[in-house]
PDB file of N, CA and C in Angstrom:
ATOM      1  N   UNK A   1       4.054  20.769 -12.896  1.00  0.00           N
ATOM      2  CA  UNK A   1       3.773  19.341 -12.956  1.00  0.00           C
ATOM      3  C   UNK A   1       3.463  18.825 -11.543  1.00  0.00           C
ATOM      4  N   UNK A   2       2.389  18.109 -11.414  1.00  0.00           N
ATOM      5  CA  UNK A   2       1.937  17.599 -10.126  1.00  0.00           C
ATOM      6  C   UNK A   2       2.931  16.602  -9.536  1.00  0.00           C
ATOM      7  N   UNK A   3       3.650  15.908 -10.379  1.00  0.00           N
ATOM      8  CA  UNK A   3       4.562  14.873  -9.898  1.00  0.00           C
ATOM      9  C   UNK A   3       5.607  15.434  -8.929  1.00  0.00           C
ATOM     10  N   UNK A   4       6.146  16.617  -9.206  1.00  0.00           N
ATOM     11  CA  UNK A   4       7.177  17.199  -8.355  1.00  0.00           C
ATOM     12  C   UNK A   4       6.613  17.508  -6.972  1.00  0.00           C
ATOM     13  N   UNK A   5       5.409  18.047  -6.942  1.00  0.00           N
ATOM     14  CA  UNK A   5       4.735  18.396  -5.696  1.00  0.00           C
ATOM     15  C   UNK A   5       4.494  17.154  -4.831  1.00  0.00           C
ATOM     16  N   UNK A   6       4.254  16.031  -5.480  1.00  0.00           N
ATOM     17  CA  UNK A   6       3.911  14.795  -4.781  1.00  0.00           C
ATOM     18  C   UNK A   6       5.026  13.759  -4.827  1.00  0.00           C
ATOM     19  N   UNK A   7       6.252  14.221  -5.009  1.00  0.00           N
ATOM     20  CA  UNK A   7       7.388  13.311  -5.188  1.00  0.00           C
ATOM     21  C   UNK A   7       7.523  12.294  -4.049  1.00  0.00           C
ATOM     22  N   UNK A   8       7.460  12.738  -2.788  1.00  0.00           N
ATOM     23  CA  UNK A   8       7.594  11.816  -1.652  1.00  0.00           C
ATOM     24  C   UNK A   8       6.441  10.822  -1.612  1.00  0.00           C
ATOM     25  N   UNK A   9       5.242  11.289  -1.888  1.00  0.00           N
ATOM     26  CA  UNK A   9       4.074  10.403  -1.889  1.00  0.00           C
ATOM     27  C   UNK A   9       4.208   9.355  -2.984  1.00  0.00           C
ATOM     28  N   UNK A  10       4.627   9.780  -4.157  1.00  0.00           N
ATOM     29  CA  UNK A  10       4.757   8.832  -5.262  1.00  0.00           C
ATOM     30  C   UNK A  10       5.810   7.762  -4.965  1.00  0.00           C
ATOM     31  N   UNK A  11       6.892   8.165  -4.329  1.00  0.00           N
ATOM     32  CA  UNK A  11       7.935   7.193  -3.950  1.00  0.00           C
ATOM     33  C   UNK A  11       7.362   6.197  -2.940  1.00  0.00           C
ATOM     34  N   UNK A  12       6.657   6.706  -1.933  1.00  0.00           N
ATOM     35  CA  UNK A  12       6.070   5.832  -0.913  1.00  0.00           C
ATOM     36  C   UNK A  12       5.008   4.921  -1.520  1.00  0.00           C
ATOM     37  N   UNK A  13       4.206   5.448  -2.436  1.00  0.00           N
ATOM     38  CA  UNK A  13       3.182   4.644  -3.104  1.00  0.00           C
ATOM     39  C   UNK A  13       3.808   3.496  -3.878  1.00  0.00           C
ATOM     40  N   UNK A  14       4.863   3.810  -4.616  1.00  0.00           N
ATOM     41  CA  UNK A  14       5.513   2.777  -5.432  1.00  0.00           C
ATOM     42  C   UNK A  14       6.157   1.706  -4.542  1.00  0.00           C
ATOM     43  N   UNK A  15       6.833   2.139  -3.485  1.00  0.00           N
ATOM     44  CA  UNK A  15       7.471   1.185  -2.578  1.00  0.00           C
ATOM     45  C   UNK A  15       6.431   0.319  -1.874  1.00  0.00           C
ATOM     46  N   UNK A  16       5.303   0.923  -1.511  1.00  0.00           N
ATOM     47  CA  UNK A  16       4.246   0.164  -0.854  1.00  0.00           C
ATOM     48  C   UNK A  16       3.638  -0.856  -1.822  1.00  0.00           C
ATOM     49  N   UNK A  17       3.402  -0.424  -3.043  1.00  0.00           N
ATOM     50  CA  UNK A  17       2.856  -1.336  -4.051  1.00  0.00           C
ATOM     51  C   UNK A  17       3.788  -2.538  -4.229  1.00  0.00           C
ATOM     52  N   UNK A  18       5.082  -2.285  -4.335  1.00  0.00           N
ATOM     53  CA  UNK A  18       6.038  -3.375  -4.509  1.00  0.00           C
ATOM     54  C   UNK A  18       6.066  -4.289  -3.279  1.00  0.00           C
ATOM     55  N   UNK A  19       6.043  -3.709  -2.084  1.00  0.00           N
ATOM     56  CA  UNK A  19       6.065  -4.512  -0.850  1.00  0.00           C
ATOM     57  C   UNK A  19       4.806  -5.367  -0.747  1.00  0.00           C
ATOM     58  N   UNK A  20       3.665  -4.787  -1.103  1.00  0.00           N
ATOM     59  CA  UNK A  20       2.401  -5.536  -1.051  1.00  0.00           C
ATOM     60  C   UNK A  20       2.386  -6.669  -2.077  1.00  0.00           C
ATOM     61  N   UNK A  21       2.898  -6.399  -3.259  1.00  0.00           N
ATOM     62  CA  UNK A  21       2.947  -7.451  -4.283  1.00  0.00           C
ATOM     63  C   UNK A  21       3.883  -8.581  -3.854  1.00  0.00           C
ATOM     64  N   UNK A  22       4.998  -8.233  -3.253  1.00  0.00           N
ATOM     65  CA  UNK A  22       5.928  -9.247  -2.775  1.00  0.00           C
ATOM     66  C   UNK A  22       5.306 -10.050  -1.634  1.00  0.00           C
ATOM     67  N   UNK A  23       4.643  -9.349  -0.722  1.00  0.00           N
ATOM     68  CA  UNK A  23       4.001 -10.015   0.408  1.00  0.00           C
ATOM     69  C   UNK A  23       2.889 -10.947  -0.089  1.00  0.00           C
ATOM     70  N   UNK A  24       2.101 -10.458  -1.017  1.00  0.00           N
ATOM     71  CA  UNK A  24       1.032 -11.254  -1.623  1.00  0.00           C
ATOM     72  C   UNK A  24       1.584 -12.563  -2.182  1.00  0.00           C
ATOM     73  N   UNK A  25       2.626 -12.451  -2.990  1.00  0.00           N
ATOM     74  CA  UNK A  25       3.240 -13.618  -3.614  1.00  0.00           C
ATOM     75  C   UNK A  25       3.839 -14.556  -2.568  1.00  0.00           C
ATOM     76  N   UNK A  26       4.496 -13.981  -1.575  1.00  0.00           N
ATOM     77  CA  UNK A  26       5.115 -14.790  -0.520  1.00  0.00           C
ATOM     78  C   UNK A  26       4.070 -15.486   0.343  1.00  0.00           C
ATOM     79  N   UNK A  27       2.974 -14.795   0.636  1.00  0.00           N
ATOM     80  CA  UNK A  27       1.898 -15.403   1.432  1.00  0.00           C
ATOM     81  C   UNK A  27       1.312 -16.622   0.727  1.00  0.00           C
ATOM     82  N   UNK A  28       1.226 -16.548  -0.588  1.00  0.00           N
ATOM     83  CA  UNK A  28       0.692 -17.678  -1.349  1.00  0.00           C
ATOM     84  C   UNK A  28       1.578 -18.916  -1.252  1.00  0.00           C
ATOM     85  N   UNK A  29       2.840 -18.725  -0.876  1.00  0.00           N
ATOM     86  CA  UNK A  29       3.790 -19.833  -0.764  1.00  0.00           C
ATOM     87  C   UNK A  29       3.914 -20.361   0.661  1.00  0.00           C
ATOM     88  N   UNK A  30       3.210 -19.741   1.604  1.00  0.00           N
ATOM     89  CA  UNK A  30       3.263 -20.186   2.998  1.00  0.00           C
ATOM     90  C   UNK A  30       2.552 -21.530   3.140  1.00  0.00           C
ATOM     91  N   UNK A  31       2.941 -22.297   4.148  1.00  0.00           N
ATOM     92  CA  UNK A  31       2.344 -23.610   4.391  1.00  0.00           C
ATOM     93  C   UNK A  31       0.847 -23.520   4.659  1.00  0.00           C
ATOM     94  N   UNK A  32       0.447 -22.551   5.452  1.00  0.00           N
ATOM     95  CA  UNK A  32      -0.964 -22.393   5.799  1.00  0.00           C
ATOM     96  C   UNK A  32      -1.538 -21.182   5.066  1.00  0.00           C
ATOM     97  N   UNK A  33      -1.782 -21.338   3.776  1.00  0.00           N
ATOM     98  CA  UNK A  33      -2.269 -20.238   2.939  1.00  0.00           C
ATOM     99  C   UNK A  33      -3.621 -19.729   3.435  1.00  0.00           C
ATOM    100  N   UNK A  34      -4.430 -20.652   3.919  1.00  0.00           N
ATOM    101  CA  UNK A  34      -5.761 -20.264   4.404  1.00  0.00           C
ATOM    102  C   UNK A  34      -5.655 -19.243   5.548  1.00  0.00           C
ATOM    103  N   UNK A  35      -4.680 -19.441   6.417  1.00  0.00           N
ATOM    104  CA  UNK A  35      -4.474 -18.519   7.522  1.00  0.00           C
ATOM    105  C   UNK A  35      -4.049 -17.136   7.011  1.00  0.00           C
ATOM    106  N   UNK A  36      -3.468 -17.088   5.836  1.00  0.00           N
ATOM    107  CA  UNK A  36      -2.951 -15.843   5.268  1.00  0.00           C
ATOM    108  C   UNK A  36      -3.976 -15.141   4.374  1.00  0.00           C
ATOM    109  N   UNK A  37      -5.181 -15.659   4.283  1.00  0.00           N
ATOM    110  CA  UNK A  37      -6.182 -15.133   3.349  1.00  0.00           C
ATOM    111  C   UNK A  37      -6.454 -13.648   3.545  1.00  0.00           C
ATOM    112  N   UNK A  38      -6.598 -13.210   4.782  1.00  0.00           N
ATOM    113  CA  UNK A  38      -6.852 -11.794   5.036  1.00  0.00           C
ATOM    114  C   UNK A  38      -5.695 -10.921   4.596  1.00  0.00           C
ATOM    115  N   UNK A  39      -4.510 -11.399   4.847  1.00  0.00           N
ATOM    116  CA  UNK A  39      -3.303 -10.674   4.443  1.00  0.00           C
ATOM    117  C   UNK A  39      -3.221 -10.593   2.918  1.00  0.00           C
ATOM    118  N   UNK A  40      -3.460 -11.702   2.274  1.00  0.00           N
ATOM    119  CA  UNK A  40      -3.415 -11.753   0.809  1.00  0.00           C
ATOM    120  C   UNK A  40      -4.431 -10.779   0.208  1.00  0.00           C
ATOM    121  N   UNK A  41      -5.651 -10.800   0.733  1.00  0.00           N
ATOM    122  CA  UNK A  41      -6.707  -9.921   0.227  1.00  0.00           C
ATOM    123  C   UNK A  41      -6.316  -8.445   0.369  1.00  0.00           C
ATOM    124  N   UNK A  42      -5.813  -8.068   1.547  1.00  0.00           N
ATOM    125  CA  UNK A  42      -5.438  -6.671   1.763  1.00  0.00           C
ATOM    126  C   UNK A  42      -4.201  -6.278   0.970  1.00  0.00           C
ATOM    127  N   UNK A  43      -3.266  -7.216   0.797  1.00  0.00           N
ATOM    128  CA  UNK A  43      -2.103  -6.929  -0.056  1.00  0.00           C
ATOM    129  C   UNK A  43      -2.556  -6.525  -1.459  1.00  0.00           C
ATOM    130  N   UNK A  44      -3.517  -7.274  -1.999  1.00  0.00           N
ATOM    131  CA  UNK A  44      -4.012  -6.973  -3.357  1.00  0.00           C
ATOM    132  C   UNK A  44      -4.717  -5.620  -3.389  1.00  0.00           C
ATOM    133  N   UNK A  45      -5.593  -5.383  -2.435  1.00  0.00           N
ATOM    134  CA  UNK A  45      -6.321  -4.106  -2.377  1.00  0.00           C
ATOM    135  C   UNK A  45      -5.339  -2.939  -2.291  1.00  0.00           C
ATOM    136  N   UNK A  46      -4.375  -3.081  -1.402  1.00  0.00           N
ATOM    137  CA  UNK A  46      -3.420  -2.006  -1.160  1.00  0.00           C
ATOM    138  C   UNK A  46      -2.526  -1.764  -2.380  1.00  0.00           C
ATOM    139  N   UNK A  47      -1.995  -2.821  -2.950  1.00  0.00           N
ATOM    140  CA  UNK A  47      -1.133  -2.666  -4.129  1.00  0.00           C
ATOM    141  C   UNK A  47      -1.895  -1.999  -5.274  1.00  0.00           C
ATOM    142  N   UNK A  48      -3.125  -2.442  -5.488  1.00  0.00           N
ATOM    143  CA  UNK A  48      -3.920  -1.861  -6.575  1.00  0.00           C
ATOM    144  C   UNK A  48      -4.218  -0.378  -6.319  1.00  0.00           C
ATOM    145  N   UNK A  49      -4.584  -0.053  -5.088  1.00  0.00           N
ATOM    146  CA  UNK A  49      -4.913   1.337  -4.776  1.00  0.00           C
ATOM    147  C   UNK A  49      -3.685   2.232  -4.869  1.00  0.00           C
ATOM    148  N   UNK A  50      -2.550   1.747  -4.379  1.00  0.00           N
ATOM    149  CA  UNK A  50      -1.315   2.536  -4.474  1.00  0.00           C
ATOM    150  C   UNK A  50      -0.937   2.781  -5.930  1.00  0.00           C
ATOM    151  N   UNK A  51      -1.045   1.752  -6.751  1.00  0.00           N
ATOM    152  CA  UNK A  51      -0.749   1.911  -8.179  1.00  0.00           C
ATOM    153  C   UNK A  51      -1.704   2.878  -8.846  1.00  0.00           C
ATOM    154  N   UNK A  52      -2.977   2.805  -8.457  1.00  0.00           N
ATOM    155  CA  UNK A  52      -3.972   3.703  -9.055  1.00  0.00           C
ATOM    156  C   UNK A  52      -3.711   5.152  -8.640  1.00  0.00           C
ATOM    157  N   UNK A  53      -3.428   5.374  -7.353  1.00  0.00           N
ATOM    158  CA  UNK A  53      -3.161   6.745  -6.903  1.00  0.00           C
ATOM    159  C   UNK A  53      -1.888   7.290  -7.545  1.00  0.00           C
ATOM    160  N   UNK A  54      -0.884   6.459  -7.676  1.00  0.00           N
ATOM    161  CA  UNK A  54       0.357   6.896  -8.337  1.00  0.00           C
ATOM    162  C   UNK A  54       0.048   7.349  -9.772  1.00  0.00           C
ATOM    163  N   UNK A  55      -0.763   6.579 -10.480  1.00  0.00           N
ATOM    164  CA  UNK A  55      -1.147   6.950 -11.848  1.00  0.00           C
ATOM    165  C   UNK A  55      -2.005   8.220 -11.851  1.00  0.00           C
ATOM    166  N   UNK A  56      -2.906   8.337 -10.887  1.00  0.00           N
ATOM    167  CA  UNK A  56      -3.772   9.515 -10.814  1.00  0.00           C
ATOM    168  C   UNK A  56      -2.949  10.781 -10.581  1.00  0.00           C
ATOM    169  N   UNK A  57      -1.943  10.675  -9.736  1.00  0.00           N
ATOM    170  CA  UNK A  57      -1.065  11.826  -9.488  1.00  0.00           C
ATOM    171  C   UNK A  57      -0.310  12.180 -10.761  1.00  0.00           C
ATOM    172  N   UNK A  58       0.184  11.185 -11.473  1.00  0.00           N
ATOM    173  CA  UNK A  58       0.987  11.450 -12.673  1.00  0.00           C
ATOM    174  C   UNK A  58       0.169  12.112 -13.777  1.00  0.00           C
ATOM    175  N   UNK A  59      -1.159  11.929 -13.767  1.00  0.00           N
ATOM    176  CA  UNK A  59      -1.994  12.590 -14.777  1.00  0.00           C
ATOM    177  C   UNK A  59      -2.719  13.801 -14.206  1.00  0.00           C
ATOM    178  N   UNK A  60      -2.336  14.209 -12.982  1.00  0.00           N
ATOM    179  CA  UNK A  60      -2.896  15.390 -12.327  1.00  0.00           C
ATOM    180  C   UNK A  60      -4.417  15.302 -12.187  1.00  0.00           C
ATOM    181  N   UNK A  61      -4.882  14.169 -11.711  1.00  0.00           N
ATOM    182  CA  UNK A  61      -6.305  13.944 -11.493  1.00  0.00           C
ATOM    183  C   UNK A  61      -6.868  14.972 -10.511  1.00  0.00           C
ATOM    184  N   UNK A  62      -8.107  15.413 -10.728  1.00  0.00           N
ATOM    185  CA  UNK A  62      -8.722  16.338  -9.768  1.00  0.00           C
ATOM    186  C   UNK A  62      -9.152  15.628  -8.479  1.00  0.00           C
ATOM    187  N   UNK A  63      -8.981  14.320  -8.404  1.00  0.00           N
ATOM    188  CA  UNK A  63      -9.435  13.533  -7.254  1.00  0.00           C
ATOM    189  C   UNK A  63      -8.294  13.054  -6.364  1.00  0.00           C
ATOM    190  N   UNK A  64      -7.122  13.638  -6.507  1.00  0.00           N
ATOM    191  CA  UNK A  64      -5.954  13.188  -5.755  1.00  0.00           C
ATOM    192  C   UNK A  64      -6.221  13.172  -4.254  1.00  0.00           C
ATOM    193  N   UNK A  65      -6.768  14.221  -3.733  1.00  0.00           N
ATOM    194  CA  UNK A  65      -7.011  14.316  -2.299  1.00  0.00           C
ATOM    195  C   UNK A  65      -7.953  13.218  -1.804  1.00  0.00           C
ATOM    196  N   UNK A  66      -9.048  13.027  -2.517  1.00  0.00           N
ATOM    197  CA  UNK A  66     -10.025  12.000  -2.127  1.00  0.00           C
ATOM    198  C   UNK A  66      -9.429  10.600  -2.232  1.00  0.00           C
ATOM    199  N   UNK A  67      -8.707  10.351  -3.315  1.00  0.00           N
ATOM    200  CA  UNK A  67      -8.075   9.045  -3.504  1.00  0.00           C
ATOM    201  C   UNK A  67      -7.011   8.796  -2.434  1.00  0.00           C
ATOM    202  N   UNK A  68      -6.279   9.845  -2.068  1.00  0.00           N
ATOM    203  CA  UNK A  68      -5.241   9.714  -1.042  1.00  0.00           C
ATOM    204  C   UNK A  68      -5.851   9.349   0.307  1.00  0.00           C
ATOM    205  N   UNK A  69      -7.013   9.884   0.590  1.00  0.00           N
ATOM    206  CA  UNK A  69      -7.703   9.566   1.839  1.00  0.00           C
ATOM    207  C   UNK A  69      -8.090   8.086   1.880  1.00  0.00           C
ATOM    208  N   UNK A  70      -8.638   7.584   0.786  1.00  0.00           N
ATOM    209  CA  UNK A  70      -9.012   6.173   0.696  1.00  0.00           C
ATOM    210  C   UNK A  70      -7.753   5.299   0.763  1.00  0.00           C
ATOM    211  N   UNK A  71      -6.723   5.710   0.073  1.00  0.00           N
ATOM    212  CA  UNK A  71      -5.476   4.943   0.054  1.00  0.00           C
ATOM    213  C   UNK A  71      -4.886   4.847   1.458  1.00  0.00           C
ATOM    214  N   UNK A  72      -4.906   5.943   2.204  1.00  0.00           N
ATOM    215  CA  UNK A  72      -4.381   5.932   3.575  1.00  0.00           C
ATOM    216  C   UNK A  72      -5.129   4.905   4.423  1.00  0.00           C
ATOM    217  N   UNK A  73      -6.431   4.839   4.280  1.00  0.00           N
ATOM    218  CA  UNK A  73      -7.260   3.886   5.040  1.00  0.00           C
ATOM    219  C   UNK A  73      -6.878   2.445   4.674  1.00  0.00           C
ATOM    220  N   UNK A  74      -6.753   2.175   3.384  1.00  0.00           N
ATOM    221  CA  UNK A  74      -6.400   0.828   2.941  1.00  0.00           C
ATOM    222  C   UNK A  74      -4.993   0.465   3.421  1.00  0.00           C
ATOM    223  N   UNK A  75      -4.060   1.399   3.328  1.00  0.00           N
ATOM    224  CA  UNK A  75      -2.692   1.146   3.805  1.00  0.00           C
ATOM    225  C   UNK A  75      -2.681   0.870   5.307  1.00  0.00           C
ATOM    226  N   UNK A  76      -3.461   1.634   6.070  1.00  0.00           N
ATOM    227  CA  UNK A  76      -3.551   1.396   7.517  1.00  0.00           C
ATOM    228  C   UNK A  76      -4.077  -0.008   7.800  1.00  0.00           C
ATOM    229  N   UNK A  77      -5.128  -0.399   7.098  1.00  0.00           N
ATOM    230  CA  UNK A  77      -5.717  -1.727   7.296  1.00  0.00           C
ATOM    231  C   UNK A  77      -4.740  -2.838   6.918  1.00  0.00           C
ATOM    232  N   UNK A  78      -4.031  -2.647   5.821  1.00  0.00           N
ATOM    233  CA  UNK A  78      -3.063  -3.645   5.372  1.00  0.00           C
ATOM    234  C   UNK A  78      -1.906  -3.740   6.374  1.00  0.00           C
ATOM    235  N   UNK A  79      -1.437  -2.598   6.864  1.00  0.00           N
ATOM    236  CA  UNK A  79      -0.350  -2.597   7.850  1.00  0.00           C
ATOM    237  C   UNK A  79      -0.779  -3.335   9.110  1.00  0.00           C
ATOM    238  N   UNK A  80      -2.004  -3.093   9.550  1.00  0.00           N
ATOM    239  CA  UNK A  80      -2.513  -3.754  10.752  1.00  0.00           C
ATOM    240  C   UNK A  80      -2.566  -5.272  10.572  1.00  0.00           C
ATOM    241  N   UNK A  81      -3.048  -5.710   9.420  1.00  0.00           N
ATOM    242  CA  UNK A  81      -3.138  -7.154   9.157  1.00  0.00           C
ATOM    243  C   UNK A  81      -1.754  -7.770   9.029  1.00  0.00           C
ATOM    244  N   UNK A  82      -0.884  -7.161   8.259  1.00  0.00           N
ATOM    245  CA  UNK A  82       0.451  -7.724   8.057  1.00  0.00           C
ATOM    246  C   UNK A  82       1.237  -7.783   9.366  1.00  0.00           C
ATOM    247  N   UNK A  83       1.051  -6.800  10.216  1.00  0.00           N
ATOM    248  CA  UNK A  83       1.775  -6.754  11.489  1.00  0.00           C
ATOM    249  C   UNK A  83       1.423  -7.935  12.393  1.00  0.00           C
ATOM    250  N   UNK A  84       0.293  -8.578  12.142  1.00  0.00           N
ATOM    251  CA  UNK A  84      -0.128  -9.740  12.941  1.00  0.00           C
ATOM    252  C   UNK A  84       0.714 -10.981  12.646  1.00  0.00           C
ATOM    253  N   UNK A  85       1.424 -10.981  11.532  1.00  0.00           N
ATOM    254  CA  UNK A  85       2.166 -12.154  11.085  1.00  0.00           C
ATOM    255  C   UNK A  85       3.666 -11.942  11.277  1.00  0.00           C
ATOM    256  N   UNK A  86       4.353 -12.983  11.722  1.00  0.00           N
ATOM    257  CA  UNK A  86       5.786 -12.885  12.018  1.00  0.00           C
ATOM    258  C   UNK A  86       6.681 -12.983  10.789  1.00  0.00           C
ATOM    259  N   UNK A  87       6.115 -13.337   9.651  1.00  0.00           N
ATOM    260  CA  UNK A  87       6.929 -13.489   8.435  1.00  0.00           C
ATOM    261  C   UNK A  87       7.619 -12.167   8.094  1.00  0.00           C
ATOM    262  N   UNK A  88       8.863 -12.272   7.664  1.00  0.00           N
ATOM    263  CA  UNK A  88       9.644 -11.085   7.314  1.00  0.00           C
ATOM    264  C   UNK A  88       8.943 -10.256   6.238  1.00  0.00           C
ATOM    265  N   UNK A  89       8.373 -10.924   5.235  1.00  0.00           N
ATOM    266  CA  UNK A  89       7.707 -10.186   4.160  1.00  0.00           C
ATOM    267  C   UNK A  89       6.498  -9.421   4.686  1.00  0.00           C
ATOM    268  N   UNK A  90       5.800  -9.964   5.664  1.00  0.00           N
ATOM    269  CA  UNK A  90       4.642  -9.278   6.249  1.00  0.00           C
ATOM    270  C   UNK A  90       5.095  -8.064   7.063  1.00  0.00           C
ATOM    271  N   UNK A  91       6.169  -8.236   7.826  1.00  0.00           N
ATOM    272  CA  UNK A  91       6.664  -7.128   8.641  1.00  0.00           C
ATOM    273  C   UNK A  91       7.175  -5.975   7.765  1.00  0.00           C
ATOM    274  N   UNK A  92       7.872  -6.305   6.691  1.00  0.00           N
ATOM    275  CA  UNK A  92       8.360  -5.270   5.775  1.00  0.00           C
ATOM    276  C   UNK A  92       7.196  -4.588   5.059  1.00  0.00           C
ATOM    277  N   UNK A  93       6.181  -5.357   4.729  1.00  0.00           N
ATOM    278  CA  UNK A  93       4.998  -4.798   4.079  1.00  0.00           C
ATOM    279  C   UNK A  93       4.280  -3.841   5.033  1.00  0.00           C
ATOM    280  N   UNK A  94       4.124  -4.250   6.285  1.00  0.00           N
ATOM    281  CA  UNK A  94       3.471  -3.395   7.275  1.00  0.00           C
ATOM    282  C   UNK A  94       4.204  -2.065   7.404  1.00  0.00           C
ATOM    283  N   UNK A  95       5.524  -2.117   7.402  1.00  0.00           N
ATOM    284  CA  UNK A  95       6.332  -0.900   7.506  1.00  0.00           C
ATOM    285  C   UNK A  95       6.115   0.008   6.289  1.00  0.00           C
ATOM    286  N   UNK A  96       6.128  -0.572   5.099  1.00  0.00           N
ATOM    287  CA  UNK A  96       5.919   0.214   3.876  1.00  0.00           C
ATOM    288  C   UNK A  96       4.509   0.814   3.855  1.00  0.00           C
ATOM    289  N   UNK A  97       3.537   0.050   4.333  1.00  0.00           N
ATOM    290  CA  UNK A  97       2.155   0.535   4.366  1.00  0.00           C
ATOM    291  C   UNK A  97       1.996   1.703   5.330  1.00  0.00           C
ATOM    292  N   UNK A  98       2.644   1.616   6.484  1.00  0.00           N
ATOM    293  CA  UNK A  98       2.570   2.714   7.462  1.00  0.00           C
ATOM    294  C   UNK A  98       3.157   3.998   6.878  1.00  0.00           C
ATOM    295  N   UNK A  99       4.302   3.862   6.237  1.00  0.00           N
ATOM    296  CA  UNK A  99       4.964   5.020   5.630  1.00  0.00           C
ATOM    297  C   UNK A  99       4.083   5.618   4.533  1.00  0.00           C
ATOM    298  N   UNK A 100       3.491   4.768   3.731  1.00  0.00           N
ATOM    299  CA  UNK A 100       2.645   5.224   2.638  1.00  0.00           C
ATOM    300  C   UNK A 100       1.390   5.915   3.174  1.00  0.00           C
ATOM    301  N   UNK A 101       0.779   5.339   4.201  1.00  0.00           N
ATOM    302  CA  UNK A 101      -0.411   5.944   4.799  1.00  0.00           C
ATOM    303  C   UNK A 101      -0.103   7.346   5.310  1.00  0.00           C
ATOM    304  N   UNK A 102       1.061   7.505   5.902  1.00  0.00           N
ATOM    305  CA  UNK A 102       1.488   8.805   6.422  1.00  0.00           C
ATOM    306  C   UNK A 102       1.609   9.825   5.279  1.00  0.00           C
ATOM    307  N   UNK A 103       2.242   9.410   4.185  1.00  0.00           N
ATOM    308  CA  UNK A 103       2.403  10.303   3.028  1.00  0.00           C
ATOM    309  C   UNK A 103       1.035  10.628   2.400  1.00  0.00           C
ATOM    310  N   UNK A 104       0.160   9.639   2.345  1.00  0.00           N
ATOM    311  CA  UNK A 104      -1.169   9.866   1.772  1.00  0.00           C
ATOM    312  C   UNK A 104      -1.967  10.868   2.607  1.00  0.00           C
ATOM    313  N   UNK A 105      -1.843  10.774   3.931  1.00  0.00           N
ATOM    314  CA  UNK A 105      -2.557  11.718   4.794  1.00  0.00           C
ATOM    315  C   UNK A 105      -2.086  13.145   4.566  1.00  0.00           C
ATOM    316  N   UNK A 106      -0.831  13.318   4.204  1.00  0.00           N
ATOM    317  CA  UNK A 106      -0.290  14.655   3.945  1.00  0.00           C
ATOM    318  C   UNK A 106      -0.959  15.311   2.739  1.00  0.00           C
ATOM    319  N   UNK A 107      -1.418  14.503   1.792  1.00  0.00           N
ATOM    320  CA  UNK A 107      -2.022  15.077   0.575  1.00  0.00           C
ATOM    321  C   UNK A 107      -3.537  14.908   0.527  1.00  0.00           C
ATOM    322  N   UNK A 108      -4.085  14.234   1.529  1.00  0.00           N
ATOM    323  CA  UNK A 108      -5.541  14.017   1.556  1.00  0.00           C
ATOM    324  C   UNK A 108      -6.279  15.312   1.911  1.00  0.00           C
TER     325      UNK A 108
END
């Protein structure tokens, strides 16, 4: 089963997806939502990609490596954007994204 082989990646993907979804929701509640637009956009992209790769791994997709490469790039971009903001949710999201990008590179 592919899931066992990718256990660490799947855990990181799920945690990143949750952190991005939380950050997305929290950014929408900030006073200056317009300033958070880039963060919100990348949170959505990253959460969706992490969820998709997690599902692809669980069904043993032949594209895991390629998807992991794309996911690592999106996670890196999201981490970079979130790190620009002092909000706790952004900082935690950036950390989860960095960890996920690292795990994705291992399987890319």
